[in-house]
């Protein structure tokens, strides 16, 4: 409340917003413009993120792998299509949470008059939209059939949202690095699944949700740095999802540098 009162009283002025051209998220990441308030004491721009050392980056990778092994590799150990789809539905339910938390924090910062990053808002929205359609695909494949799977995924997602939010408020660079490790692990999971089930997946039709998103949705092209993929089978669908995870990981890596 004190911060909000000070903002209303113009105690912490914000510089005018930079004009962000209508480019794809890839172009925006290349030309991110940092619009910040002058600090009250010395007039210097506020620093958005702080650099990480190699030990911290390695610790994030180990933590993500440990959680994957402890939860996903245990709870979804059965190697069947039904349990694989349930695993991916759970993964995609949780995977949206960091982007939701980043949007929440960025809106808060702008409301308090600390800084405005409209380009980052667009990037993170497009990422949530992408993950949302991954989830719709898994729901079409009946990945959310079991009550226990839904219970686990939704409770993990709520906890992960607040954890990602705290990471971002503490240091956006740390939050982006942690999520990079998550997305890289997701890429590996999908890649291994594709290699193990290629013949079966090529015989299955593509879900309608995949066709609608990858072949028709203009927001996909806003996010992606590649052309629309071919979506003729379930194999094509999982290849597209895997490649999306790689793109998210690359985005997180890029934004760690931009945040500094």
C-alpha atoms as a PDB file:
ATOM      1  CA  UNK A   1       0.000   0.000   0.000  1.00  0.00           C
ATOM      2  CA  UNK A   2       2.858   2.374   0.785  1.00  0.00           C
ATOM      3  CA  UNK A   3       4.481   1.646  -2.583  1.00  0.00           C
ATOM      4  CA  UNK A   4       1.182   2.186  -4.368  1.00  0.00           C
ATOM      5  CA  UNK A   5       0.593   5.504  -2.570  1.00  0.00           C
ATOM      6  CA  UNK A   6       4.087   6.663  -3.505  1.00  0.00           C
ATOM      7  CA  UNK A   7       3.472   5.711  -7.114  1.00  0.00           C
ATOM      8  CA  UNK A   8       0.192   7.654  -7.194  1.00  0.00           C
ATOM      9  CA  UNK A   9       1.973  10.624  -5.629  1.00  0.00           C
ATOM     10  CA  UNK A  10       4.549  10.396  -8.451  1.00  0.00           C
ATOM     11  CA  UNK A  11       7.333   9.804  -5.966  1.00  0.00           C
ATOM     12  CA  UNK A  12       8.778   7.121  -8.273  1.00  0.00           C
ATOM     13  CA  UNK A  13       8.323   8.390 -11.829  1.00  0.00           C
ATOM     14  CA  UNK A  14       8.435   5.949 -14.696  1.00  0.00           C
ATOM     15  CA  UNK A  15      10.012   6.889 -17.998  1.00  0.00           C
ATOM     16  CA  UNK A  16       7.684   6.743 -21.048  1.00  0.00           C
ATOM     17  CA  UNK A  17       7.150   3.295 -22.498  1.00  0.00           C
ATOM     18  CA  UNK A  18       9.294   2.335 -25.425  1.00  0.00           C
ATOM     19  CA  UNK A  19       7.477   1.704 -28.644  1.00  0.00           C
ATOM     20  CA  UNK A  20       7.583  -2.006 -29.354  1.00  0.00           C
ATOM     21  CA  UNK A  21       7.184  -2.891 -32.998  1.00  0.00           C
ATOM     22  CA  UNK A  22       4.942  -5.729 -34.086  1.00  0.00           C
ATOM     23  CA  UNK A  23       7.549  -8.397 -34.495  1.00  0.00           C
ATOM     24  CA  UNK A  24       7.628 -12.049 -33.600  1.00  0.00           C
ATOM     25  CA  UNK A  25       8.770 -13.047 -30.141  1.00  0.00           C
ATOM     26  CA  UNK A  26      12.074 -14.148 -31.686  1.00  0.00           C
ATOM     27  CA  UNK A  27      12.673 -10.629 -33.034  1.00  0.00           C
ATOM     28  CA  UNK A  28      11.595  -9.104 -29.749  1.00  0.00           C
ATOM     29  CA  UNK A  29      14.099 -11.202 -27.873  1.00  0.00           C
ATOM     30  CA  UNK A  30      16.836  -9.925 -30.136  1.00  0.00           C
ATOM     31  CA  UNK A  31      15.888  -6.290 -29.639  1.00  0.00           C
ATOM     32  CA  UNK A  32      14.539  -6.202 -26.098  1.00  0.00           C
ATOM     33  CA  UNK A  33      14.186  -2.634 -24.833  1.00  0.00           C
ATOM     34  CA  UNK A  34      14.447  -2.103 -21.092  1.00  0.00           C
ATOM     35  CA  UNK A  35      12.086   0.610 -19.891  1.00  0.00           C
ATOM     36  CA  UNK A  36      12.859   1.400 -16.267  1.00  0.00           C
ATOM     37  CA  UNK A  37      12.340   4.135 -13.740  1.00  0.00           C
ATOM     38  CA  UNK A  38      15.206   6.346 -12.593  1.00  0.00           C
ATOM     39  CA  UNK A  39      16.246   5.444  -9.071  1.00  0.00           C
ATOM     40  CA  UNK A  40      15.308   8.165  -6.581  1.00  0.00           C
ATOM     41  CA  UNK A  41      18.857   8.498  -5.223  1.00  0.00           C
ATOM     42  CA  UNK A  42      21.288   8.387  -8.133  1.00  0.00           C
ATOM     43  CA  UNK A  43      19.181   8.294 -11.283  1.00  0.00           C
ATOM     44  CA  UNK A  44      20.635   4.981 -12.496  1.00  0.00           C
ATOM     45  CA  UNK A  45      18.452   2.353 -14.157  1.00  0.00           C
ATOM     46  CA  UNK A  46      17.296  -0.531 -12.022  1.00  0.00           C
ATOM     47  CA  UNK A  47      18.927  -3.845 -12.867  1.00  0.00           C
ATOM     48  CA  UNK A  48      16.374  -6.427 -13.973  1.00  0.00           C
ATOM     49  CA  UNK A  49      18.433  -9.537 -13.224  1.00  0.00           C
ATOM     50  CA  UNK A  50      21.682 -10.565 -11.578  1.00  0.00           C
ATOM     51  CA  UNK A  51      24.222 -12.949 -13.160  1.00  0.00           C
ATOM     52  CA  UNK A  52      24.574 -16.549 -12.011  1.00  0.00           C
ATOM     53  CA  UNK A  53      27.728 -18.534 -11.461  1.00  0.00           C
ATOM     54  CA  UNK A  54      28.318 -21.953 -13.019  1.00  0.00           C
ATOM     55  CA  UNK A  55      27.684 -23.782  -9.745  1.00  0.00           C
ATOM     56  CA  UNK A  56      24.185 -22.326  -9.524  1.00  0.00           C
ATOM     57  CA  UNK A  57      23.394 -23.283 -13.101  1.00  0.00           C
ATOM     58  CA  UNK A  58      24.610 -26.822 -12.519  1.00  0.00           C
ATOM     59  CA  UNK A  59      22.630 -27.061  -9.280  1.00  0.00           C
ATOM     60  CA  UNK A  60      19.456 -26.089 -11.119  1.00  0.00           C
ATOM     61  CA  UNK A  61      19.990 -28.882 -13.649  1.00  0.00           C
ATOM     62  CA  UNK A  62      20.600 -31.426 -10.901  1.00  0.00           C
ATOM     63  CA  UNK A  63      17.528 -30.321  -8.964  1.00  0.00           C
ATOM     64  CA  UNK A  64      15.276 -30.552 -12.016  1.00  0.00           C
ATOM     65  CA  UNK A  65      16.622 -33.996 -12.887  1.00  0.00           C
ATOM     66  CA  UNK A  66      16.195 -35.137  -9.274  1.00  0.00           C
ATOM     67  CA  UNK A  67      12.562 -34.044  -9.145  1.00  0.00           C
ATOM     68  CA  UNK A  68      11.892 -35.733 -12.480  1.00  0.00           C
ATOM     69  CA  UNK A  69      13.413 -38.983 -11.245  1.00  0.00           C
ATOM     70  CA  UNK A  70      11.666 -38.848  -7.869  1.00  0.00           C
ATOM     71  CA  UNK A  71       8.174 -37.986  -9.139  1.00  0.00           C
ATOM     72  CA  UNK A  72       7.719 -38.599 -12.845  1.00  0.00           C
ATOM     73  CA  UNK A  73       9.950 -41.637 -13.266  1.00  0.00           C
ATOM     74  CA  UNK A  74       8.339 -43.198 -10.185  1.00  0.00           C
ATOM     75  CA  UNK A  75       4.669 -42.297 -10.549  1.00  0.00           C
ATOM     76  CA  UNK A  76       4.622 -42.859 -14.329  1.00  0.00           C
ATOM     77  CA  UNK A  77       7.037 -45.778 -14.472  1.00  0.00           C
ATOM     78  CA  UNK A  78       4.665 -48.032 -16.446  1.00  0.00           C
ATOM     79  CA  UNK A  79       5.700 -47.949 -20.096  1.00  0.00           C
ATOM     80  CA  UNK A  80       2.296 -47.914 -21.805  1.00  0.00           C
ATOM     81  CA  UNK A  81       0.697 -45.352 -24.121  1.00  0.00           C
ATOM     82  CA  UNK A  82      -1.974 -44.546 -21.552  1.00  0.00           C
ATOM     83  CA  UNK A  83       0.564 -43.820 -18.816  1.00  0.00           C
ATOM     84  CA  UNK A  84       2.831 -41.945 -21.229  1.00  0.00           C
ATOM     85  CA  UNK A  85      -0.031 -39.629 -22.207  1.00  0.00           C
ATOM     86  CA  UNK A  86      -0.871 -39.160 -18.511  1.00  0.00           C
ATOM     87  CA  UNK A  87       2.764 -38.284 -17.858  1.00  0.00           C
ATOM     88  CA  UNK A  88       2.761 -35.691 -20.616  1.00  0.00           C
ATOM     89  CA  UNK A  89      -0.566 -34.239 -19.483  1.00  0.00           C
ATOM     90  CA  UNK A  90       0.880 -33.799 -15.996  1.00  0.00           C
ATOM     91  CA  UNK A  91       4.050 -32.302 -17.447  1.00  0.00           C
ATOM     92  CA  UNK A  92       2.122 -29.784 -19.543  1.00  0.00           C
ATOM     93  CA  UNK A  93      -0.164 -28.845 -16.637  1.00  0.00           C
ATOM     94  CA  UNK A  94       2.909 -27.918 -14.630  1.00  0.00           C
ATOM     95  CA  UNK A  95       4.922 -26.440 -17.517  1.00  0.00           C
ATOM     96  CA  UNK A  96       2.627 -23.418 -17.883  1.00  0.00           C
ATOM     97  CA  UNK A  97       3.139 -22.243 -14.329  1.00  0.00           C
ATOM     98  CA  UNK A  98       6.448 -20.347 -14.711  1.00  0.00           C
ATOM     99  CA  UNK A  99       5.036 -18.236 -17.543  1.00  0.00           C
ATOM    100  CA  UNK A 100       1.922 -17.449 -15.499  1.00  0.00           C
ATOM    101  CA  UNK A 101       4.144 -16.387 -12.607  1.00  0.00           C
ATOM    102  CA  UNK A 102       6.355 -14.202 -14.813  1.00  0.00           C
ATOM    103  CA  UNK A 103       3.275 -12.406 -16.157  1.00  0.00           C
ATOM    104  CA  UNK A 104       1.992 -11.879 -12.616  1.00  0.00           C
ATOM    105  CA  UNK A 105       5.289 -10.387 -11.465  1.00  0.00           C
ATOM    106  CA  UNK A 106       5.660  -8.148 -14.516  1.00  0.00           C
ATOM    107  CA  UNK A 107       2.136  -6.794 -14.080  1.00  0.00           C
ATOM    108  CA  UNK A 108       2.903  -6.150 -10.411  1.00  0.00           C
ATOM    109  CA  UNK A 109       6.104  -4.273 -11.224  1.00  0.00           C
ATOM    110  CA  UNK A 110       4.292  -2.130 -13.771  1.00  0.00           C
ATOM    111  CA  UNK A 111       1.417  -1.431 -11.370  1.00  0.00           C
ATOM    112  CA  UNK A 112       3.869  -0.298  -8.684  1.00  0.00           C
ATOM    113  CA  UNK A 113       5.614   1.921 -11.199  1.00  0.00           C
ATOM    114  CA  UNK A 114       8.970   0.151 -11.005  1.00  0.00           C
ATOM    115  CA  UNK A 115       9.390  -0.724 -14.663  1.00  0.00           C
ATOM    116  CA  UNK A 116       7.500  -1.721 -17.768  1.00  0.00           C
ATOM    117  CA  UNK A 117       8.463  -4.601 -20.082  1.00  0.00           C
ATOM    118  CA  UNK A 118       5.639  -4.910 -22.585  1.00  0.00           C
ATOM    119  CA  UNK A 119       7.798  -7.024 -24.877  1.00  0.00           C
ATOM    120  CA  UNK A 120       8.351  -9.587 -22.127  1.00  0.00           C
ATOM    121  CA  UNK A 121       4.614  -9.668 -21.430  1.00  0.00           C
ATOM    122  CA  UNK A 122       4.016 -10.608 -25.043  1.00  0.00           C
ATOM    123  CA  UNK A 123       6.705 -13.284 -25.079  1.00  0.00           C
ATOM    124  CA  UNK A 124       5.460 -14.961 -21.907  1.00  0.00           C
ATOM    125  CA  UNK A 125       1.843 -14.817 -23.054  1.00  0.00           C
ATOM    126  CA  UNK A 126       2.762 -16.589 -26.288  1.00  0.00           C
ATOM    127  CA  UNK A 127       4.587 -19.229 -24.258  1.00  0.00           C
ATOM    128  CA  UNK A 128       1.537 -19.823 -22.064  1.00  0.00           C
ATOM    129  CA  UNK A 129      -0.636 -20.070 -25.190  1.00  0.00           C
ATOM    130  CA  UNK A 130       1.728 -22.647 -26.642  1.00  0.00           C
ATOM    131  CA  UNK A 131       1.796 -24.738 -23.467  1.00  0.00           C
ATOM    132  CA  UNK A 132      -1.996 -24.463 -23.235  1.00  0.00           C
ATOM    133  CA  UNK A 133      -2.323 -26.181 -26.605  1.00  0.00           C
ATOM    134  CA  UNK A 134       0.127 -28.885 -25.596  1.00  0.00           C
ATOM    135  CA  UNK A 135      -2.247 -29.519 -22.701  1.00  0.00           C
ATOM    136  CA  UNK A 136      -5.302 -29.596 -24.985  1.00  0.00           C
ATOM    137  CA  UNK A 137      -3.573 -32.172 -27.160  1.00  0.00           C
ATOM    138  CA  UNK A 138      -2.860 -34.391 -24.153  1.00  0.00           C
ATOM    139  CA  UNK A 139      -6.454 -34.040 -22.987  1.00  0.00           C
ATOM    140  CA  UNK A 140      -7.654 -35.165 -26.409  1.00  0.00           C
ATOM    141  CA  UNK A 141      -5.409 -38.218 -25.938  1.00  0.00           C
ATOM    142  CA  UNK A 142      -7.168 -38.870 -22.571  1.00  0.00           C
ATOM    143  CA  UNK A 143      -4.079 -38.090 -20.530  1.00  0.00           C
ATOM    144  CA  UNK A 144      -6.252 -36.665 -17.752  1.00  0.00           C
ATOM    145  CA  UNK A 145      -8.520 -39.704 -17.439  1.00  0.00           C
ATOM    146  CA  UNK A 146      -7.497 -40.742 -13.919  1.00  0.00           C
ATOM    147  CA  UNK A 147      -8.546 -38.705 -10.883  1.00  0.00           C
ATOM    148  CA  UNK A 148      -5.234 -39.376  -9.129  1.00  0.00           C
ATOM    149  CA  UNK A 149      -3.267 -37.994 -12.071  1.00  0.00           C
ATOM    150  CA  UNK A 150      -5.363 -34.827 -12.044  1.00  0.00           C
ATOM    151  CA  UNK A 151      -4.953 -34.482  -8.292  1.00  0.00           C
ATOM    152  CA  UNK A 152      -1.170 -34.849  -8.510  1.00  0.00           C
ATOM    153  CA  UNK A 153      -0.748 -32.519 -11.481  1.00  0.00           C
ATOM    154  CA  UNK A 154      -2.940 -29.719 -10.154  1.00  0.00           C
ATOM    155  CA  UNK A 155      -1.398 -29.699  -6.684  1.00  0.00           C
ATOM    156  CA  UNK A 156       2.124 -29.770  -8.093  1.00  0.00           C
ATOM    157  CA  UNK A 157       1.188 -26.947 -10.452  1.00  0.00           C
ATOM    158  CA  UNK A 158      -0.066 -24.693  -7.648  1.00  0.00           C
ATOM    159  CA  UNK A 159       3.090 -25.253  -5.621  1.00  0.00           C
ATOM    160  CA  UNK A 160       5.306 -24.738  -8.670  1.00  0.00           C
ATOM    161  CA  UNK A 161       3.535 -21.480  -9.534  1.00  0.00           C
ATOM    162  CA  UNK A 162       4.433 -19.912  -6.197  1.00  0.00           C
ATOM    163  CA  UNK A 163       7.964 -21.303  -6.323  1.00  0.00           C
ATOM    164  CA  UNK A 164       8.521 -19.857  -9.820  1.00  0.00           C
ATOM    165  CA  UNK A 165       7.036 -16.544  -8.681  1.00  0.00           C
ATOM    166  CA  UNK A 166       9.451 -16.362  -5.735  1.00  0.00           C
ATOM    167  CA  UNK A 167      12.350 -17.213  -8.046  1.00  0.00           C
ATOM    168  CA  UNK A 168      11.356 -14.373 -10.388  1.00  0.00           C
ATOM    169  CA  UNK A 169      10.908 -11.830  -7.605  1.00  0.00           C
ATOM    170  CA  UNK A 170      14.267 -12.857  -6.144  1.00  0.00           C
ATOM    171  CA  UNK A 171      16.174 -12.800  -9.434  1.00  0.00           C
ATOM    172  CA  UNK A 172      14.635 -13.105 -12.919  1.00  0.00           C
ATOM    173  CA  UNK A 173      17.903 -14.512 -14.260  1.00  0.00           C
ATOM    174  CA  UNK A 174      17.701 -17.369 -11.763  1.00  0.00           C
ATOM    175  CA  UNK A 175      14.038 -17.994 -12.668  1.00  0.00           C
ATOM    176  CA  UNK A 176      14.835 -18.124 -16.371  1.00  0.00           C
ATOM    177  CA  UNK A 177      17.795 -20.438 -15.820  1.00  0.00           C
ATOM    178  CA  UNK A 178      15.756 -22.826 -13.699  1.00  0.00           C
ATOM    179  CA  UNK A 179      13.010 -22.933 -16.311  1.00  0.00           C
ATOM    180  CA  UNK A 180      15.597 -23.469 -19.030  1.00  0.00           C
ATOM    181  CA  UNK A 181      16.642 -26.639 -17.193  1.00  0.00           C
ATOM    182  CA  UNK A 182      12.976 -27.713 -16.986  1.00  0.00           C
ATOM    183  CA  UNK A 183      12.403 -27.157 -20.701  1.00  0.00           C
ATOM    184  CA  UNK A 184      15.599 -28.981 -21.642  1.00  0.00           C
ATOM    185  CA  UNK A 185      14.489 -31.951 -19.540  1.00  0.00           C
ATOM    186  CA  UNK A 186      11.078 -31.840 -21.244  1.00  0.00           C
ATOM    187  CA  UNK A 187      12.767 -31.886 -24.645  1.00  0.00           C
ATOM    188  CA  UNK A 188      14.751 -34.986 -23.679  1.00  0.00           C
ATOM    189  CA  UNK A 189      11.624 -36.722 -22.376  1.00  0.00           C
ATOM    190  CA  UNK A 190       9.718 -36.146 -25.613  1.00  0.00           C
ATOM    191  CA  UNK A 191      12.722 -37.069 -27.731  1.00  0.00           C
ATOM    192  CA  UNK A 192      13.164 -40.394 -25.955  1.00  0.00           C
ATOM    193  CA  UNK A 193       9.447 -41.122 -26.275  1.00  0.00           C
ATOM    194  CA  UNK A 194       9.561 -40.447 -30.017  1.00  0.00           C
ATOM    195  CA  UNK A 195      12.579 -42.700 -30.527  1.00  0.00           C
ATOM    196  CA  UNK A 196      10.983 -45.563 -28.578  1.00  0.00           C
ATOM    197  CA  UNK A 197       7.545 -45.378 -30.231  1.00  0.00           C
ATOM    198  CA  UNK A 198       8.156 -44.039 -33.731  1.00  0.00           C
ATOM    199  CA  UNK A 199       6.411 -46.814 -35.676  1.00  0.00           C
ATOM    200  CA  UNK A 200       3.278 -46.780 -33.538  1.00  0.00           C
ATOM    201  CA  UNK A 201       2.979 -43.001 -33.495  1.00  0.00           C
ATOM    202  CA  UNK A 202       3.298 -42.735 -37.278  1.00  0.00           C
ATOM    203  CA  UNK A 203       0.245 -44.977 -37.645  1.00  0.00           C
ATOM    204  CA  UNK A 204      -1.972 -42.794 -35.436  1.00  0.00           C
ATOM    205  CA  UNK A 205      -3.884 -39.748 -36.704  1.00  0.00           C
ATOM    206  CA  UNK A 206      -3.001 -36.285 -35.495  1.00  0.00           C
ATOM    207  CA  UNK A 207      -5.287 -34.833 -32.791  1.00  0.00           C
ATOM    208  CA  UNK A 208      -7.677 -32.104 -33.907  1.00  0.00           C
ATOM    209  CA  UNK A 209      -6.246 -29.735 -31.301  1.00  0.00           C
ATOM    210  CA  UNK A 210      -2.814 -30.120 -32.893  1.00  0.00           C
ATOM    211  CA  UNK A 211      -4.112 -29.423 -36.396  1.00  0.00           C
ATOM    212  CA  UNK A 212      -5.990 -26.341 -35.253  1.00  0.00           C
ATOM    213  CA  UNK A 213      -3.037 -24.849 -33.384  1.00  0.00           C
ATOM    214  CA  UNK A 214      -0.088 -25.694 -35.599  1.00  0.00           C
ATOM    215  CA  UNK A 215      -1.800 -25.251 -38.959  1.00  0.00           C
ATOM    216  CA  UNK A 216      -4.264 -22.414 -38.305  1.00  0.00           C
ATOM    217  CA  UNK A 217      -3.464 -20.379 -35.184  1.00  0.00           C
ATOM    218  CA  UNK A 218      -1.607 -17.180 -36.078  1.00  0.00           C
ATOM    219  CA  UNK A 219      -0.211 -16.919 -32.543  1.00  0.00           C
ATOM    220  CA  UNK A 220       1.919 -19.989 -33.214  1.00  0.00           C
ATOM    221  CA  UNK A 221       3.863 -18.039 -35.846  1.00  0.00           C
ATOM    222  CA  UNK A 222       4.221 -15.154 -33.396  1.00  0.00           C
ATOM    223  CA  UNK A 223       6.049 -17.479 -30.995  1.00  0.00           C
ATOM    224  CA  UNK A 224       7.918 -19.832 -33.298  1.00  0.00           C
ATOM    225  CA  UNK A 225      11.182 -19.150 -35.090  1.00  0.00           C
ATOM    226  CA  UNK A 226      10.430 -21.905 -37.611  1.00  0.00           C
ATOM    227  CA  UNK A 227       7.716 -22.471 -40.252  1.00  0.00           C
ATOM    228  CA  UNK A 228       4.524 -24.326 -39.460  1.00  0.00           C
ATOM    229  CA  UNK A 229       5.288 -28.025 -38.999  1.00  0.00           C
ATOM    230  CA  UNK A 230       3.686 -30.870 -40.899  1.00  0.00           C
ATOM    231  CA  UNK A 231       0.887 -32.347 -38.777  1.00  0.00           C
ATOM    232  CA  UNK A 232      -0.299 -35.562 -40.427  1.00  0.00           C
ATOM    233  CA  UNK A 233       0.191 -38.095 -37.643  1.00  0.00           C
ATOM    234  CA  UNK A 234       0.633 -38.374 -33.903  1.00  0.00           C
ATOM    235  CA  UNK A 235       4.367 -38.666 -34.548  1.00  0.00           C
ATOM    236  CA  UNK A 236       4.373 -35.275 -36.277  1.00  0.00           C
ATOM    237  CA  UNK A 237       2.439 -33.839 -33.346  1.00  0.00           C
ATOM    238  CA  UNK A 238       4.929 -35.024 -30.756  1.00  0.00           C
ATOM    239  CA  UNK A 239       7.819 -33.820 -32.916  1.00  0.00           C
ATOM    240  CA  UNK A 240       6.257 -30.360 -32.974  1.00  0.00           C
ATOM    241  CA  UNK A 241       5.761 -30.379 -29.194  1.00  0.00           C
ATOM    242  CA  UNK A 242       9.339 -31.544 -28.653  1.00  0.00           C
ATOM    243  CA  UNK A 243      10.634 -28.755 -30.868  1.00  0.00           C
ATOM    244  CA  UNK A 244       8.497 -26.230 -28.972  1.00  0.00           C
ATOM    245  CA  UNK A 245      10.206 -27.283 -25.745  1.00  0.00           C
ATOM    246  CA  UNK A 246      13.598 -26.733 -27.370  1.00  0.00           C
ATOM    247  CA  UNK A 247      12.462 -23.288 -28.468  1.00  0.00           C
ATOM    248  CA  UNK A 248      11.303 -22.431 -24.952  1.00  0.00           C
ATOM    249  CA  UNK A 249      14.674 -23.509 -23.575  1.00  0.00           C
ATOM    250  CA  UNK A 250      16.446 -21.304 -26.121  1.00  0.00           C
ATOM    251  CA  UNK A 251      14.173 -18.381 -25.234  1.00  0.00           C
ATOM    252  CA  UNK A 252      14.949 -18.791 -21.543  1.00  0.00           C
ATOM    253  CA  UNK A 253      18.670 -18.850 -22.302  1.00  0.00           C
ATOM    254  CA  UNK A 254      18.379 -15.693 -24.417  1.00  0.00           C
ATOM    255  CA  UNK A 255      16.367 -13.848 -21.802  1.00  0.00           C
ATOM    256  CA  UNK A 256      18.959 -14.540 -19.144  1.00  0.00           C
ATOM    257  CA  UNK A 257      21.352 -12.420 -21.161  1.00  0.00           C
ATOM    258  CA  UNK A 258      18.737  -9.744 -21.960  1.00  0.00           C
ATOM    259  CA  UNK A 259      17.787  -9.457 -18.273  1.00  0.00           C
ATOM    260  CA  UNK A 260      21.323  -8.371 -17.428  1.00  0.00           C
END
